[in-house]
Amino acid sequence: MADAGMLRFHVPEPEVRPGGT
């Protein structure tokens, strides 16, 4: 699951969360 990997290092960054998800 690529989503899980991206979310892992994107969790600490709320600014990237809306753009990554």
PDB file of N, CA and C in Angstrom:
ATOM      1  N   MET A   1       0.844  -1.216   0.000  1.00  0.00           N
ATOM      2  CA  MET A   1       0.000   0.000   0.000  1.00  0.00           C
ATOM      3  C   MET A   1       0.877   1.263   0.000  1.00  0.00           C
ATOM      4  N   ALA A   2       0.848   1.994  -1.075  1.00  0.00           N
ATOM      5  CA  ALA A   2       1.678   3.199  -1.173  1.00  0.00           C
ATOM      6  C   ALA A   2       1.111   4.320  -0.298  1.00  0.00           C
ATOM      7  N   ASP A   3      -0.201   4.300  -0.093  1.00  0.00           N
ATOM      8  CA  ASP A   3      -0.846   5.337   0.726  1.00  0.00           C
ATOM      9  C   ASP A   3      -0.299   5.336   2.148  1.00  0.00           C
ATOM     10  N   ALA A   4      -0.132   4.139   2.708  1.00  0.00           N
ATOM     11  CA  ALA A   4       0.354   4.010   4.087  1.00  0.00           C
ATOM     12  C   ALA A   4       1.756   4.604   4.209  1.00  0.00           C
ATOM     13  N   GLY A   5       2.604   4.352   3.226  1.00  0.00           N
ATOM     14  CA  GLY A   5       3.979   4.862   3.261  1.00  0.00           C
ATOM     15  C   GLY A   5       4.007   6.382   3.168  1.00  0.00           C
ATOM     16  N   MET A   6       3.181   6.935   2.293  1.00  0.00           N
ATOM     17  CA  MET A   6       3.165   8.392   2.119  1.00  0.00           C
ATOM     18  C   MET A   6       2.589   9.085   3.348  1.00  0.00           C
ATOM     19  N   LEU A   7       1.560   8.485   3.932  1.00  0.00           N
ATOM     20  CA  LEU A   7       0.919   9.073   5.106  1.00  0.00           C
ATOM     21  C   LEU A   7       1.863   9.072   6.297  1.00  0.00           C
ATOM     22  N   ARG A   8       2.727   8.070   6.374  1.00  0.00           N
ATOM     23  CA  ARG A   8       3.645   7.921   7.504  1.00  0.00           C
ATOM     24  C   ARG A   8       4.515   9.166   7.679  1.00  0.00           C
ATOM     25  N   PHE A   9       5.123   9.630   6.596  1.00  0.00           N
ATOM     26  CA  PHE A   9       5.998  10.798   6.706  1.00  0.00           C
ATOM     27  C   PHE A   9       5.240  12.093   6.423  1.00  0.00           C
ATOM     28  N   HIS A  10       3.946  11.981   6.129  1.00  0.00           N
ATOM     29  CA  HIS A  10       3.123  13.171   5.877  1.00  0.00           C
ATOM     30  C   HIS A  10       2.274  13.524   7.090  1.00  0.00           C
ATOM     31  N   VAL A  11       2.186  12.593   8.025  1.00  0.00           N
ATOM     32  CA  VAL A  11       1.380  12.800   9.230  1.00  0.00           C
ATOM     33  C   VAL A  11       1.844  14.027  10.017  1.00  0.00           C
ATOM     34  N   PRO A  12       3.158  14.172  10.249  1.00  0.00           N
ATOM     35  CA  PRO A  12       3.685  15.305  11.009  1.00  0.00           C
ATOM     36  C   PRO A  12       3.471  16.643  10.291  1.00  0.00           C
ATOM     37  N   GLU A  13       3.168  16.568   8.991  1.00  0.00           N
ATOM     38  CA  GLU A  13       2.954  17.798   8.233  1.00  0.00           C
ATOM     39  C   GLU A  13       1.494  17.940   7.805  1.00  0.00           C
ATOM     40  N   PRO A  14       0.690  18.641   8.586  1.00  0.00           N
ATOM     41  CA  PRO A  14      -0.733  18.834   8.298  1.00  0.00           C
ATOM     42  C   PRO A  14      -0.942  19.614   6.993  1.00  0.00           C
ATOM     43  N   GLU A  15       0.045  20.384   6.603  1.00  0.00           N
ATOM     44  CA  GLU A  15      -0.064  21.180   5.374  1.00  0.00           C
ATOM     45  C   GLU A  15       0.004  20.285   4.136  1.00  0.00           C
ATOM     46  N   VAL A  16       0.747  19.184   4.251  1.00  0.00           N
ATOM     47  CA  VAL A  16       0.909  18.271   3.116  1.00  0.00           C
ATOM     48  C   VAL A  16      -0.187  17.212   3.112  1.00  0.00           C
ATOM     49  N   ARG A  17      -0.838  17.039   4.249  1.00  0.00           N
ATOM     50  CA  ARG A  17      -1.890  16.016   4.365  1.00  0.00           C
ATOM     51  C   ARG A  17      -3.010  16.215   3.342  1.00  0.00           C
ATOM     52  N   PRO A  18      -3.631  17.390   3.282  1.00  0.00           N
ATOM     53  CA  PRO A  18      -4.717  17.650   2.340  1.00  0.00           C
ATOM     54  C   PRO A  18      -4.258  17.536   0.883  1.00  0.00           C
ATOM     55  N   GLY A  19      -2.988  17.824   0.633  1.00  0.00           N
ATOM     56  CA  GLY A  19      -2.485  17.771  -0.736  1.00  0.00           C
ATOM     57  C   GLY A  19      -2.066  16.359  -1.123  1.00  0.00           C
ATOM     58  N   GLY A  20      -1.620  15.580  -0.130  1.00  0.00           N
ATOM     59  CA  GLY A  20      -1.161  14.215  -0.421  1.00  0.00           C
ATOM     60  C   GLY A  20      -2.318  13.246  -0.525  1.00  0.00           C
ATOM     61  N   THR A  21      -3.297  13.416   0.375  1.00  0.00           N
ATOM     62  CA  THR A  21      -4.430  12.473   0.381  1.00  0.00           C
ATOM     63  C   THR A  21      -5.319  12.775  -0.823  1.00  0.00           C
TER      64      THR A  21
END
